N, C-alpha and C. Protein backbone atom coordinates (compact mmCIF):
# COMPACT_ATOMS: atom_id res chain seq x y z
N MET A 1 2.26 8.08 1.05
CA MET A 1 3.31 7.56 2.27
C MET A 1 3.43 6.12 1.90
N ARG A 2 4.50 5.56 2.33
CA ARG A 2 4.59 4.27 2.02
C ARG A 2 3.52 3.29 2.67
N PHE A 3 3.13 3.86 3.67
CA PHE A 3 1.97 3.22 4.08
C PHE A 3 0.82 3.01 2.98
N GLN A 4 0.67 3.75 2.06
CA GLN A 4 -0.14 3.63 0.92
C GLN A 4 0.82 2.89 -0.18
N ILE A 5 1.93 3.23 -0.15
CA ILE A 5 2.80 2.79 -1.19
C ILE A 5 2.83 1.04 -1.01
N SER A 6 3.01 0.59 0.30
CA SER A 6 2.83 -0.77 0.58
C SER A 6 1.55 -1.25 0.37
N LEU A 7 0.56 -0.29 0.37
CA LEU A 7 -0.85 -0.75 0.03
C LEU A 7 -0.84 -1.56 -1.38
N LEU A 8 0.00 -0.97 -2.31
CA LEU A 8 0.00 -1.52 -3.54
C LEU A 8 0.67 -3.02 -3.36
N THR A 9 1.88 -3.02 -2.53
CA THR A 9 2.35 -4.32 -2.51
C THR A 9 1.39 -5.15 -1.90
N LEU A 10 0.90 -4.91 -0.87
CA LEU A 10 -0.05 -5.80 -0.09
C LEU A 10 -1.34 -6.17 -1.15
N ILE A 11 -1.73 -5.36 -1.92
CA ILE A 11 -2.73 -5.70 -2.93
C ILE A 11 -2.29 -7.04 -3.67
N TYR A 12 -1.03 -7.06 -4.25
CA TYR A 12 -0.51 -8.15 -4.77
C TYR A 12 -0.29 -9.19 -3.99
N VAL A 13 0.06 -9.09 -2.80
CA VAL A 13 0.36 -10.42 -1.81
C VAL A 13 -0.85 -10.85 -1.39
N ALA A 14 -1.87 -10.05 -1.26
CA ALA A 14 -3.09 -10.51 -0.74
C ALA A 14 -4.11 -11.20 -1.79
N LEU A 15 -3.75 -10.66 -2.95
CA LEU A 15 -4.55 -11.39 -4.17
C LEU A 15 -3.88 -12.44 -4.63
N PHE A 16 -2.58 -12.59 -4.71
CA PHE A 16 -1.87 -13.49 -5.39
C PHE A 16 -1.74 -14.98 -4.15
N GLY A 17 -1.58 -14.36 -2.92
CA GLY A 17 -1.53 -15.40 -1.75
C GLY A 17 -2.82 -15.79 -1.72
N SER A 18 -4.18 -15.42 -1.84
CA SER A 18 -5.31 -15.93 -1.68
C SER A 18 -6.22 -16.62 -2.52
N LEU A 19 -5.72 -16.25 -3.74
CA LEU A 19 -6.37 -17.16 -4.87
C LEU A 19 -6.01 -18.29 -5.26
N SER A 20 -6.81 -19.28 -5.64
CA SER A 20 -6.39 -20.81 -6.08
C SER A 20 -5.46 -20.61 -7.37
N HIS A 21 -4.73 -21.86 -7.56
CA HIS A 21 -4.07 -21.94 -8.73
C HIS A 21 -4.96 -22.14 -10.02
N ALA A 22 -5.96 -22.22 -9.75
CA ALA A 22 -7.06 -22.62 -10.91
C ALA A 22 -7.31 -21.02 -11.56
N PHE A 23 -7.15 -20.02 -10.80
CA PHE A 23 -7.58 -18.51 -11.37
C PHE A 23 -6.20 -18.12 -11.68
N ILE A 24 -5.00 -18.32 -11.24
CA ILE A 24 -3.93 -17.53 -11.70
C ILE A 24 -2.68 -18.42 -12.02
N GLY A 25 -1.83 -17.93 -12.79
CA GLY A 25 -0.57 -18.68 -13.32
C GLY A 25 0.51 -18.61 -12.21
N PRO A 26 1.46 -19.38 -12.65
CA PRO A 26 2.36 -19.92 -11.43
C PRO A 26 3.35 -18.63 -11.05
N THR A 27 3.63 -17.50 -11.97
CA THR A 27 4.31 -16.20 -11.38
C THR A 27 3.59 -15.57 -10.48
N CYS A 28 2.15 -15.61 -10.76
CA CYS A 28 1.49 -15.02 -9.56
C CYS A 28 1.47 -15.37 -8.51
N MET A 29 1.55 -16.73 -8.28
CA MET A 29 1.85 -17.47 -7.11
C MET A 29 3.18 -17.18 -6.31
N LYS A 30 4.08 -16.69 -7.22
CA LYS A 30 5.41 -16.63 -7.01
C LYS A 30 5.64 -15.25 -6.13
N ILE A 31 4.83 -14.46 -6.38
CA ILE A 31 5.02 -13.03 -6.05
C ILE A 31 4.83 -12.81 -4.41
N SER A 32 4.17 -13.59 -3.84
CA SER A 32 4.43 -13.34 -2.14
C SER A 32 5.71 -13.78 -1.70
N ASP A 33 6.23 -14.80 -2.37
CA ASP A 33 7.68 -15.40 -2.02
C ASP A 33 8.68 -14.44 -2.33
N ALA A 34 8.51 -13.76 -3.39
CA ALA A 34 9.56 -12.56 -3.66
C ALA A 34 9.71 -11.64 -3.01
N LEU A 35 8.42 -11.26 -2.14
CA LEU A 35 8.45 -10.19 -1.36
C LEU A 35 9.03 -10.52 0.02
N GLY A 36 8.95 -11.58 0.32
CA GLY A 36 9.77 -12.02 1.73
C GLY A 36 9.15 -11.18 2.72
N ASP A 37 9.88 -10.35 3.47
CA ASP A 37 9.67 -9.76 4.60
C ASP A 37 9.66 -8.16 4.37
N ARG A 38 9.45 -7.96 2.99
CA ARG A 38 9.50 -6.46 2.82
C ARG A 38 8.44 -5.58 3.21
N PRO A 39 7.23 -6.16 3.03
CA PRO A 39 6.21 -5.44 3.62
C PRO A 39 6.48 -5.17 5.03
N ALA A 40 6.81 -6.17 5.89
CA ALA A 40 6.95 -5.78 7.19
C ALA A 40 8.00 -4.73 7.32
N GLU A 41 9.13 -4.70 6.67
CA GLU A 41 10.05 -3.72 6.46
C GLU A 41 9.60 -2.24 6.35
N VAL A 42 8.72 -2.11 5.61
CA VAL A 42 7.87 -0.89 5.30
C VAL A 42 7.39 0.01 6.30
N TYR A 43 6.88 -0.98 7.26
CA TYR A 43 6.22 -0.24 8.64
C TYR A 43 7.39 0.26 9.43
N LYS A 44 8.44 -0.67 9.33
CA LYS A 44 9.94 -0.17 10.13
C LYS A 44 10.27 1.17 9.59
N LEU A 45 10.23 1.19 8.40
CA LEU A 45 10.88 2.26 7.54
C LEU A 45 10.08 3.52 7.93
N PHE A 46 8.47 3.18 7.74
CA PHE A 46 7.57 4.37 8.17
C PHE A 46 7.80 4.78 9.41
N TYR A 47 7.98 4.13 10.38
CA TYR A 47 8.34 4.50 11.84
C TYR A 47 9.83 5.25 11.77
N LYS A 48 10.60 5.14 11.26
CA LYS A 48 12.07 5.56 11.44
C LYS A 48 11.96 6.85 10.35
N GLU A 49 11.13 7.12 9.15
CA GLU A 49 11.37 8.14 8.60
C GLU A 49 10.34 9.03 8.80
N VAL A 50 9.13 8.72 9.68
CA VAL A 50 8.13 9.59 9.78
C VAL A 50 7.79 9.80 11.31
N CYS A 51 7.80 8.73 11.84
CA CYS A 51 7.66 8.90 13.49
C CYS A 51 8.68 9.31 14.33
N GLN A 52 9.89 8.74 14.03
CA GLN A 52 11.17 9.22 14.62
C GLN A 52 11.64 10.72 14.32
N GLU A 53 10.79 11.16 13.26
CA GLU A 53 10.93 12.71 12.91
C GLU A 53 10.30 13.59 13.68
N GLY A 54 9.35 12.92 14.71
CA GLY A 54 8.29 13.95 15.37
C GLY A 54 6.85 13.82 14.71
N CYS A 55 6.62 13.24 13.76
CA CYS A 55 5.42 13.37 13.05
C CYS A 55 4.14 12.61 13.85
N GLN A 56 3.19 12.90 13.87
CA GLN A 56 2.02 12.07 14.57
C GLN A 56 0.85 11.78 13.76
N PRO A 57 0.88 11.60 12.90
CA PRO A 57 -0.31 11.30 11.74
C PRO A 57 -1.18 10.45 12.18
N ASP A 58 -2.60 10.85 11.98
CA ASP A 58 -3.63 9.84 11.94
C ASP A 58 -4.07 9.51 10.69
N ILE A 59 -5.06 8.54 10.56
CA ILE A 59 -5.57 8.07 9.38
C ILE A 59 -6.29 9.31 8.38
N THR A 60 -6.99 9.94 9.25
CA THR A 60 -7.46 11.07 8.18
C THR A 60 -6.33 11.97 7.49
N HIS A 61 -5.05 12.38 8.30
CA HIS A 61 -4.15 13.11 7.84
C HIS A 61 -3.62 12.30 6.33
N ILE A 62 -3.24 10.83 6.87
CA ILE A 62 -2.72 10.22 5.53
C ILE A 62 -3.87 10.08 4.47
N ASP A 63 -4.94 9.83 4.91
CA ASP A 63 -6.13 9.88 3.63
C ASP A 63 -5.96 11.03 2.86
N ARG A 64 -6.14 12.04 3.61
CA ARG A 64 -6.12 13.46 2.81
C ARG A 64 -5.12 13.73 1.85
N TRP A 65 -3.86 13.24 2.39
CA TRP A 65 -2.79 13.79 1.81
C TRP A 65 -2.26 12.71 0.83
N ALA A 66 -2.52 11.59 1.09
CA ALA A 66 -1.82 10.46 0.52
C ALA A 66 -2.57 10.09 -0.75
N ARG A 67 -4.02 10.56 -0.85
CA ARG A 67 -4.62 10.38 -2.14
C ARG A 67 -4.48 11.00 -3.23
N GLN A 68 -4.02 12.40 -3.24
CA GLN A 68 -3.31 13.22 -4.38
C GLN A 68 -1.82 12.89 -4.28
N ASN A 69 -1.38 12.62 -3.23
CA ASN A 69 0.16 12.95 -3.51
C ASN A 69 0.92 11.60 -3.70
N VAL A 70 0.17 10.57 -3.04
CA VAL A 70 0.92 9.11 -3.17
C VAL A 70 0.16 8.26 -4.05
N ILE A 71 -1.21 8.12 -3.60
CA ILE A 71 -1.89 6.81 -4.56
C ILE A 71 -1.98 7.22 -6.04
N LYS A 72 -2.62 8.31 -6.32
CA LYS A 72 -2.66 8.57 -7.69
C LYS A 72 -1.58 8.71 -8.50
N PRO A 73 -0.40 9.53 -7.98
CA PRO A 73 0.76 9.39 -8.80
C PRO A 73 1.29 7.89 -8.90
N LEU A 74 1.46 7.20 -7.79
CA LEU A 74 1.97 5.96 -7.80
C LEU A 74 1.24 5.03 -8.77
N VAL A 75 -0.12 5.02 -8.49
CA VAL A 75 -0.80 4.23 -9.43
C VAL A 75 -0.72 4.36 -10.95
N ALA A 76 -0.69 5.64 -11.39
CA ALA A 76 -0.34 5.97 -12.60
C ALA A 76 1.12 5.68 -13.08
N GLU A 77 1.99 5.98 -12.25
CA GLU A 77 3.49 5.49 -12.58
C GLU A 77 3.27 4.10 -12.77
N THR A 78 2.79 3.24 -11.74
CA THR A 78 2.85 1.81 -11.66
C THR A 78 2.15 1.05 -12.84
N THR A 79 0.89 1.54 -13.12
CA THR A 79 0.05 1.08 -14.40
C THR A 79 0.91 1.37 -15.79
N LYS A 80 1.79 2.51 -15.57
CA LYS A 80 2.38 2.80 -17.02
C LYS A 80 3.53 1.80 -17.11
N LYS A 81 4.35 1.65 -16.09
CA LYS A 81 5.62 0.82 -16.15
C LYS A 81 5.02 -0.62 -16.43
N LEU A 82 3.92 -1.16 -15.87
CA LEU A 82 3.43 -2.43 -16.02
C LEU A 82 2.70 -2.63 -17.27
N GLY A 83 2.28 -1.38 -18.17
CA GLY A 83 1.84 -1.50 -19.43
C GLY A 83 0.37 -1.63 -19.57
N VAL A 84 -0.25 -1.28 -18.21
CA VAL A 84 -1.65 -1.31 -18.21
C VAL A 84 -2.41 -0.07 -17.52
N PRO A 85 -2.03 1.37 -18.36
CA PRO A 85 -2.54 2.44 -17.94
C PRO A 85 -4.06 2.43 -17.94
N GLN A 86 -4.62 1.56 -18.79
CA GLN A 86 -6.07 1.51 -18.89
C GLN A 86 -6.82 1.04 -17.40
N GLN A 87 -6.06 0.38 -16.62
CA GLN A 87 -6.31 -0.25 -15.41
C GLN A 87 -6.25 0.74 -14.15
N ARG A 88 -5.77 1.92 -14.50
CA ARG A 88 -5.42 2.97 -13.51
C ARG A 88 -6.71 3.31 -12.78
N LYS A 89 -7.81 3.28 -13.33
CA LYS A 89 -9.21 3.84 -12.50
C LYS A 89 -9.38 2.37 -11.59
N THR A 90 -9.48 1.42 -12.14
CA THR A 90 -9.88 0.32 -11.49
C THR A 90 -9.04 0.15 -9.81
N ILE A 91 -7.58 0.27 -10.21
CA ILE A 91 -6.74 0.26 -9.21
C ILE A 91 -6.97 1.43 -8.26
N GLU A 92 -7.22 2.55 -8.78
CA GLU A 92 -7.38 3.54 -7.58
C GLU A 92 -8.64 3.65 -6.87
N ASN A 93 -9.83 2.98 -7.60
CA ASN A 93 -10.85 2.60 -6.88
C ASN A 93 -10.61 1.58 -6.01
N LEU A 94 -9.98 0.43 -6.10
CA LEU A 94 -9.51 -0.64 -5.38
C LEU A 94 -8.95 -0.09 -3.81
N VAL A 95 -8.04 0.80 -4.40
CA VAL A 95 -7.12 1.58 -3.20
C VAL A 95 -7.98 2.15 -2.35
N GLN A 96 -8.92 3.14 -3.05
CA GLN A 96 -10.07 3.81 -2.16
C GLN A 96 -11.00 2.96 -1.20
N ALA A 97 -11.34 2.19 -1.81
CA ALA A 97 -12.07 0.91 -1.24
C ALA A 97 -11.18 0.47 0.37
N VAL A 98 -10.07 0.14 -0.21
CA VAL A 98 -9.10 -0.32 0.97
C VAL A 98 -8.96 0.82 2.25
N VAL A 99 -8.71 2.04 1.73
CA VAL A 99 -8.68 3.09 2.66
C VAL A 99 -10.07 3.18 3.37
N GLN A 100 -11.01 3.21 2.89
CA GLN A 100 -12.42 3.21 3.47
C GLN A 100 -12.80 2.10 4.40
N ALA A 101 -12.22 0.94 4.01
CA ALA A 101 -12.40 -0.21 4.83
C ALA A 101 -11.38 -0.17 6.02
N THR A 102 -10.32 0.43 6.04
CA THR A 102 -9.27 0.49 6.92
C THR A 102 -9.63 1.28 8.17
N LYS A 103 -10.22 2.48 7.52
CA LYS A 103 -10.62 3.52 8.37
C LYS A 103 -11.84 2.96 9.08
N GLN A 104 -12.60 2.03 8.58
CA GLN A 104 -13.66 1.61 9.36
C GLN A 104 -13.43 0.54 10.43
N ASP A 105 -12.37 -0.33 9.96
CA ASP A 105 -12.04 -1.49 10.71
C ASP A 105 -10.77 -1.35 11.68
N CYS A 106 -9.89 -0.46 11.21
CA CYS A 106 -8.55 -0.44 12.03
C CYS A 106 -8.40 1.01 12.85
N VAL A 107 -9.24 1.87 12.64
CA VAL A 107 -8.90 3.04 13.39
C VAL A 107 -9.22 2.93 14.77
N LYS A 108 -10.10 2.08 15.12
CA LYS A 108 -10.27 1.63 16.55
C LYS A 108 -8.94 1.21 17.34
N LYS A 109 -8.20 0.37 16.41
CA LYS A 109 -7.20 -0.10 17.01
C LYS A 109 -6.02 0.73 17.48
N LEU A 110 -5.78 1.92 17.07
CA LEU A 110 -5.23 3.19 17.49
C LEU A 110 -5.97 3.88 18.65
N GLY A 111 -7.07 3.81 18.72
CA GLY A 111 -7.80 4.47 20.08
C GLY A 111 -7.88 5.85 19.32
N SER A 112 -7.98 6.99 20.16
CA SER A 112 -7.65 8.23 19.89
C SER A 112 -6.62 9.02 19.35
N SER A 113 -5.44 8.14 19.26
CA SER A 113 -4.24 8.62 19.07
C SER A 113 -3.88 8.42 17.50
N HIS A 114 -2.43 8.67 17.31
CA HIS A 114 -1.99 8.48 16.04
C HIS A 114 -1.24 7.30 15.61
N LEU A 115 -0.81 7.31 14.49
CA LEU A 115 0.07 5.97 13.98
C LEU A 115 1.34 5.82 14.37
N CYS A 116 1.89 6.73 15.17
CA CYS A 116 3.41 7.03 15.44
C CYS A 116 3.44 6.62 17.17
N GLN A 117 2.41 6.10 17.60
CA GLN A 117 2.25 5.91 19.11
C GLN A 117 3.46 5.10 19.55
N SER A 118 3.60 3.83 18.78
CA SER A 118 4.81 2.92 19.07
C SER A 118 4.98 1.92 17.98
N PRO A 119 5.98 1.53 17.65
CA PRO A 119 6.24 0.40 16.61
C PRO A 119 5.10 -0.74 16.58
N GLU A 120 4.85 -0.92 17.88
CA GLU A 120 3.87 -2.30 17.94
C GLU A 120 2.62 -1.89 17.55
N LYS A 121 2.04 -0.58 17.96
CA LYS A 121 0.66 0.03 17.38
C LYS A 121 0.78 0.05 15.74
N LEU A 122 1.86 0.72 15.21
CA LEU A 122 2.10 0.70 14.03
C LEU A 122 1.89 -0.86 13.19
N GLU A 123 2.50 -1.64 13.94
CA GLU A 123 2.70 -2.91 13.20
C GLU A 123 1.17 -3.58 13.10
N ALA A 124 0.54 -3.36 14.43
CA ALA A 124 -0.99 -3.98 14.65
C ALA A 124 -1.97 -3.26 13.77
N PHE A 125 -1.76 -1.89 13.20
CA PHE A 125 -2.54 -1.20 12.30
C PHE A 125 -2.24 -1.84 10.88
N GLY A 126 -0.96 -2.13 10.84
CA GLY A 126 -0.38 -2.69 9.33
C GLY A 126 -1.23 -3.82 9.09
N GLN A 127 -1.16 -4.77 10.16
CA GLN A 127 -1.69 -6.09 10.04
C GLN A 127 -3.22 -5.85 9.79
N CYS A 128 -3.87 -5.02 10.43
CA CYS A 128 -5.34 -4.82 10.22
C CYS A 128 -5.63 -4.35 8.81
N LEU A 129 -4.81 -3.16 8.46
CA LEU A 129 -4.77 -2.77 7.05
C LEU A 129 -4.71 -4.22 6.02
N LYS A 130 -3.89 -5.07 6.36
CA LYS A 130 -3.43 -6.26 5.39
C LYS A 130 -4.94 -6.91 5.37
N GLY A 131 -5.75 -7.27 6.43
CA GLY A 131 -7.09 -7.95 6.58
C GLY A 131 -8.04 -7.20 5.77
N SER A 132 -8.19 -5.88 5.84
CA SER A 132 -9.07 -5.21 5.05
C SER A 132 -8.76 -5.20 3.54
N LEU A 133 -7.52 -5.34 3.52
CA LEU A 133 -7.17 -5.42 2.05
C LEU A 133 -7.76 -6.68 1.41
N THR A 134 -7.30 -7.83 2.04
CA THR A 134 -7.86 -9.12 1.77
C THR A 134 -9.54 -9.14 1.53
N THR A 135 -10.32 -8.76 2.32
CA THR A 135 -11.60 -8.60 2.37
C THR A 135 -12.12 -7.82 1.30
N VAL A 136 -11.42 -6.67 0.78
CA VAL A 136 -12.04 -5.79 -0.26
C VAL A 136 -11.60 -6.34 -1.58
N LEU A 137 -10.24 -6.95 -1.64
CA LEU A 137 -9.72 -7.70 -2.93
C LEU A 137 -10.98 -8.88 -3.26
N MET A 138 -10.92 -9.67 -2.15
CA MET A 138 -12.10 -10.50 -2.44
C MET A 138 -13.34 -10.40 -2.93
N SER A 139 -13.88 -9.20 -2.34
CA SER A 139 -15.21 -8.78 -2.89
C SER A 139 -15.12 -8.11 -4.27
N ARG A 140 -13.78 -7.83 -5.00
CA ARG A 140 -13.69 -7.11 -6.07
C ARG A 140 -12.90 -7.87 -7.05
N VAL A 141 -12.82 -9.19 -6.92
CA VAL A 141 -11.99 -10.14 -7.68
C VAL A 141 -12.33 -10.13 -9.26
N GLY A 142 -13.47 -9.86 -9.46
CA GLY A 142 -14.04 -9.81 -10.89
C GLY A 142 -13.43 -8.72 -11.80
N GLU A 143 -13.33 -7.52 -10.90
CA GLU A 143 -12.75 -6.41 -11.65
C GLU A 143 -11.17 -6.37 -11.88
N LEU A 144 -10.53 -7.40 -11.35
CA LEU A 144 -9.21 -7.47 -11.36
C LEU A 144 -8.80 -8.70 -12.33
N GLY A 145 -9.78 -9.21 -13.08
CA GLY A 145 -9.21 -10.06 -13.85
C GLY A 145 -8.23 -9.58 -14.87
N PRO A 146 -8.16 -8.73 -15.44
CA PRO A 146 -7.02 -8.31 -16.54
C PRO A 146 -5.66 -8.21 -15.75
N LEU A 147 -5.63 -7.95 -14.62
CA LEU A 147 -4.20 -7.92 -13.85
C LEU A 147 -3.75 -9.09 -13.43
N LEU A 148 -4.62 -10.47 -13.48
CA LEU A 148 -4.29 -11.71 -13.27
C LEU A 148 -3.76 -12.54 -14.23
N THR A 149 -3.28 -11.87 -15.36
CA THR A 149 -2.79 -12.83 -16.71
C THR A 149 -1.19 -13.05 -16.25
N GLU A 150 -0.93 -14.11 -16.86
CA GLU A 150 0.42 -14.61 -16.74
C GLU A 150 1.49 -13.55 -16.85
N PRO A 151 1.25 -12.71 -17.92
CA PRO A 151 2.31 -11.93 -18.63
C PRO A 151 2.37 -10.65 -17.43
N MET A 152 0.83 -10.24 -17.13
CA MET A 152 0.74 -9.40 -16.05
C MET A 152 1.47 -9.41 -14.62
N CYS A 153 1.33 -10.86 -14.12
CA CYS A 153 2.02 -11.04 -13.01
C CYS A 153 3.53 -11.06 -13.08
N GLN A 154 3.89 -11.70 -14.43
CA GLN A 154 5.39 -11.65 -14.33
C GLN A 154 6.11 -10.12 -14.57
N LYS A 155 5.19 -9.15 -15.02
CA LYS A 155 5.70 -7.75 -14.88
C LYS A 155 5.56 -7.40 -13.36
N ALA A 156 4.47 -7.66 -12.90
CA ALA A 156 4.39 -7.18 -11.35
C ALA A 156 5.54 -7.94 -10.42
N TYR A 157 5.76 -9.18 -10.75
CA TYR A 157 6.92 -9.92 -9.97
C TYR A 157 8.21 -9.30 -10.15
N ASP A 158 8.40 -8.97 -11.55
CA ASP A 158 9.66 -8.34 -11.79
C ASP A 158 9.82 -6.79 -11.22
N TYR A 159 8.65 -6.29 -11.12
CA TYR A 159 8.74 -4.64 -10.42
C TYR A 159 8.99 -4.93 -9.14
N LEU A 160 8.26 -5.78 -8.60
CA LEU A 160 8.09 -5.83 -6.89
C LEU A 160 9.68 -6.41 -6.50
N ARG A 161 10.39 -7.05 -7.29
CA ARG A 161 11.67 -7.56 -7.09
C ARG A 161 12.70 -6.50 -7.09
N LYS A 162 12.58 -5.31 -7.61
CA LYS A 162 13.40 -4.32 -7.89
C LYS A 162 13.91 -3.72 -6.62
N HIS A 163 15.31 -3.55 -6.39
CA HIS A 163 15.80 -3.01 -5.32
C HIS A 163 15.44 -1.64 -4.95
N ASP A 164 15.34 -0.86 -6.16
CA ASP A 164 15.07 0.56 -6.15
C ASP A 164 13.69 0.93 -5.55
N LEU A 165 12.62 0.10 -5.69
CA LEU A 165 11.37 0.52 -5.19
C LEU A 165 11.68 0.56 -3.65
N TRP A 166 12.39 -0.40 -3.07
CA TRP A 166 12.14 -0.40 -1.46
C TRP A 166 13.32 0.29 -0.96
N VAL A 167 14.39 0.90 -1.73
CA VAL A 167 15.47 1.51 -0.93
C VAL A 167 15.39 3.02 -1.59
N GLU A 168 14.73 3.39 -2.42
CA GLU A 168 14.63 4.75 -3.01
C GLU A 168 13.21 5.25 -3.14
N VAL A 169 12.28 4.64 -3.78
CA VAL A 169 11.01 5.03 -4.03
C VAL A 169 10.28 5.16 -2.81
N ILE A 170 9.90 4.10 -2.11
CA ILE A 170 9.35 4.01 -0.77
C ILE A 170 9.97 5.14 0.11
N PRO A 171 11.23 5.17 0.52
CA PRO A 171 11.47 6.13 1.37
C PRO A 171 11.48 7.57 0.91
N ARG A 172 11.60 7.72 -0.09
CA ARG A 172 11.48 9.24 -0.77
C ARG A 172 9.91 9.69 -0.47
N TYR A 173 9.10 8.65 -0.77
CA TYR A 173 7.60 9.15 -0.19
C TYR A 173 7.53 9.44 1.24
N PHE A 174 8.01 8.59 2.22
CA PHE A 174 8.04 8.82 3.50
C PHE A 174 8.74 10.09 3.86
N LYS A 175 9.74 10.32 3.32
CA LYS A 175 10.50 11.61 3.55
C LYS A 175 9.77 12.71 3.11
N LYS A 176 9.14 12.83 1.97
CA LYS A 176 8.29 13.77 1.72
C LYS A 176 6.95 13.85 2.52
N TYR A 177 6.43 12.92 3.00
CA TYR A 177 5.41 12.88 3.85
C TYR A 177 5.60 13.74 5.12
N ALA A 178 6.97 13.04 5.78
CA ALA A 178 7.51 13.67 7.21
C ALA A 178 7.65 15.29 6.68
N LYS A 179 8.47 15.67 5.90
CA LYS A 179 8.43 17.13 5.65
C LYS A 179 7.27 17.81 5.26
N LEU A 180 6.38 17.45 4.72
CA LEU A 180 5.08 18.25 4.56
C LEU A 180 4.24 18.21 5.83
N PHE A 181 4.43 17.07 6.49
CA PHE A 181 3.75 16.92 7.91
C PHE A 181 4.43 17.89 8.97
N LYS A 182 5.69 18.11 8.87
CA LYS A 182 6.48 19.11 9.82
C LYS A 182 5.94 20.67 9.50
N ASN A 183 5.59 20.89 8.10
CA ASN A 183 5.31 22.02 7.69
C ASN A 183 3.70 22.29 7.81
N LYS A 184 3.11 21.50 8.72
CA LYS A 184 1.81 21.58 8.71
C LYS A 184 0.86 21.59 7.53
N TRP A 185 1.05 20.93 6.47
CA TRP A 185 0.31 20.76 5.18
C TRP A 185 -1.24 20.66 5.40
N TYR A 186 -1.42 19.56 6.39
CA TYR A 186 -2.73 19.14 6.82
C TYR A 186 -3.56 20.18 7.12
N LYS A 187 -3.10 21.43 7.74
CA LYS A 187 -4.07 22.41 8.11
C LYS A 187 -4.91 23.05 6.99
N ALA A 188 -4.13 23.03 5.89
CA ALA A 188 -4.63 23.74 4.70
C ALA A 188 -5.74 22.85 3.79
N ILE A 189 -5.68 21.58 4.46
CA ILE A 189 -6.72 20.78 3.54
C ILE A 189 -8.10 20.82 4.17
């Protein structure tokens, strides 16, 4: 789901927005500016495409489904497009660490309910996820060195600025998630 798709976006935002200029080039520092309010828009889109369709996912449903159906395919596609398929496993491990931290730190913000309780609850959960992401990134910055080069940042910058990522790719994953949720895919897992 884009919840996870935005996770990759948030990785870039947190990574490039948190490190000093001594570690990364000027294009890396521009990534956060290029994104503007798009990460916040992703939560609104999730609410529209998933929540307003009657789905009531909790973090366990998302974790189980997203790992195989969103995270791995998206990381494989993105690393290939960016020319660093050898970094696929590093990014998958990073995303999984973020998911675990999110489960530990953010699930309590939902109480015993689901992500679609209200737009405000979803947004608060997203902010907590962003905080978990930053913590995980800072603890693993050494592993991410190959992704912080100026040419790599330029590729990421260009990729994240593409309109189709936000109006085609992310909505497609959300619609797929909602369809599978309605068909009770999670009961088979």
